[in-house]
Amino acid sequence: MNNVVSKKTVVPAAVTPTKASLPQTGDEQNTRNSIIGAILVALAAVGTLFGIDKRNKKQSK
């Protein structure tokens, strides 16, 4: 009998290219500006409500 051992060739797994991402510049600044803007809008809304209230009281007198 022939005792022949077959050799298996190991093929490395296909390397999937990783998607290169760009640095996230300005994200923190944009978030901070959005928060400041929302606060300013809220303050303007509250100021407008008080202004309308005063105007209505002046007109009713």
C-alpha atoms as a PDB file:
ATOM      1  CA  MET A   1       0.000   0.000   0.000  1.00  0.00           C
ATOM      2  CA  ASN A   2       1.049   3.459  -0.665  1.00  0.00           C
ATOM      3  CA  ASN A   3       1.030   5.702   2.353  1.00  0.00           C
ATOM      4  CA  VAL A   4       0.683   9.061   0.661  1.00  0.00           C
ATOM      5  CA  VAL A   5      -0.296  12.059   2.713  1.00  0.00           C
ATOM      6  CA  SER A   6      -1.822  14.793   0.673  1.00  0.00           C
ATOM      7  CA  LYS A   7      -0.826  18.329   1.528  1.00  0.00           C
ATOM      8  CA  LYS A   8      -3.514  20.901   1.912  1.00  0.00           C
ATOM      9  CA  THR A   9      -2.679  24.368   0.891  1.00  0.00           C
ATOM     10  CA  VAL A  10      -4.068  27.007   3.189  1.00  0.00           C
ATOM     11  CA  VAL A  11      -5.414  30.003   1.355  1.00  0.00           C
ATOM     12  CA  PRO A  12      -5.642  33.094   3.509  1.00  0.00           C
ATOM     13  CA  ALA A  13      -9.104  34.550   3.873  1.00  0.00           C
ATOM     14  CA  ALA A  14      -9.934  37.419   1.611  1.00  0.00           C
ATOM     15  CA  VAL A  15      -9.032  40.667   3.273  1.00  0.00           C
ATOM     16  CA  THR A  16     -11.963  43.022   3.202  1.00  0.00           C
ATOM     17  CA  PRO A  17     -10.857  46.578   2.704  1.00  0.00           C
ATOM     18  CA  THR A  18     -11.832  48.811   5.570  1.00  0.00           C
ATOM     19  CA  LYS A  19     -13.712  51.931   4.672  1.00  0.00           C
ATOM     20  CA  ALA A  20     -11.491  54.914   5.292  1.00  0.00           C
ATOM     21  CA  SER A  21     -13.268  57.553   7.319  1.00  0.00           C
ATOM     22  CA  LEU A  22     -12.512  61.218   7.407  1.00  0.00           C
ATOM     23  CA  PRO A  23     -11.817  62.928  10.706  1.00  0.00           C
ATOM     24  CA  GLN A  24     -14.908  64.318  12.376  1.00  0.00           C
ATOM     25  CA  THR A  25     -13.946  67.962  12.491  1.00  0.00           C
ATOM     26  CA  GLY A  26     -16.382  70.515  13.782  1.00  0.00           C
ATOM     27  CA  ASP A  27     -18.886  68.067  15.274  1.00  0.00           C
ATOM     28  CA  GLU A  28     -18.364  69.308  18.805  1.00  0.00           C
ATOM     29  CA  GLN A  29     -18.564  72.930  17.690  1.00  0.00           C
ATOM     30  CA  ASN A  30     -21.780  72.307  15.754  1.00  0.00           C
ATOM     31  CA  THR A  31     -23.379  70.618  18.743  1.00  0.00           C
ATOM     32  CA  ARG A  32     -22.416  73.481  21.033  1.00  0.00           C
ATOM     33  CA  ASN A  33     -23.799  76.045  18.572  1.00  0.00           C
ATOM     34  CA  SER A  34     -27.060  74.113  18.293  1.00  0.00           C
ATOM     35  CA  ILE A  35     -27.507  74.074  22.063  1.00  0.00           C
ATOM     36  CA  ILE A  36     -26.752  77.792  22.358  1.00  0.00           C
ATOM     37  CA  GLY A  37     -29.191  78.520  19.530  1.00  0.00           C
ATOM     38  CA  ALA A  38     -31.953  76.495  21.178  1.00  0.00           C
ATOM     39  CA  ILE A  39     -31.439  78.361  24.462  1.00  0.00           C
ATOM     40  CA  LEU A  40     -31.600  81.722  22.691  1.00  0.00           C
ATOM     41  CA  VAL A  41     -34.810  80.747  20.899  1.00  0.00           C
ATOM     42  CA  ALA A  42     -36.363  79.657  24.200  1.00  0.00           C
ATOM     43  CA  LEU A  43     -35.385  82.943  25.853  1.00  0.00           C
ATOM     44  CA  ALA A  44     -36.815  84.914  22.935  1.00  0.00           C
ATOM     45  CA  ALA A  45     -40.081  82.976  23.181  1.00  0.00           C
ATOM     46  CA  VAL A  46     -40.372  83.645  26.914  1.00  0.00           C
ATOM     47  CA  GLY A  47     -39.545  87.325  26.371  1.00  0.00           C
ATOM     48  CA  THR A  48     -42.186  87.558  23.665  1.00  0.00           C
ATOM     49  CA  LEU A  49     -44.817  86.040  25.936  1.00  0.00           C
ATOM     50  CA  PHE A  50     -44.076  88.603  28.650  1.00  0.00           C
ATOM     51  CA  GLY A  51     -44.071  91.407  26.088  1.00  0.00           C
ATOM     52  CA  ILE A  52     -47.474  90.374  24.732  1.00  0.00           C
ATOM     53  CA  ASP A  53     -48.825  90.148  28.283  1.00  0.00           C
ATOM     54  CA  LYS A  54     -47.702  93.703  29.065  1.00  0.00           C
ATOM     55  CA  ARG A  55     -49.146  95.023  25.782  1.00  0.00           C
ATOM     56  CA  ASN A  56     -52.538  93.443  26.514  1.00  0.00           C
ATOM     57  CA  LYS A  57     -52.625  94.979  29.996  1.00  0.00           C
ATOM     58  CA  LYS A  58     -51.798  98.456  28.612  1.00  0.00           C
ATOM     59  CA  GLN A  59     -54.530  98.245  25.958  1.00  0.00           C
ATOM     60  CA  SER A  60     -57.215  97.082  28.390  1.00  0.00           C
ATOM     61  CA  LYS A  61     -56.731 100.055  30.761  1.00  0.00           C
END
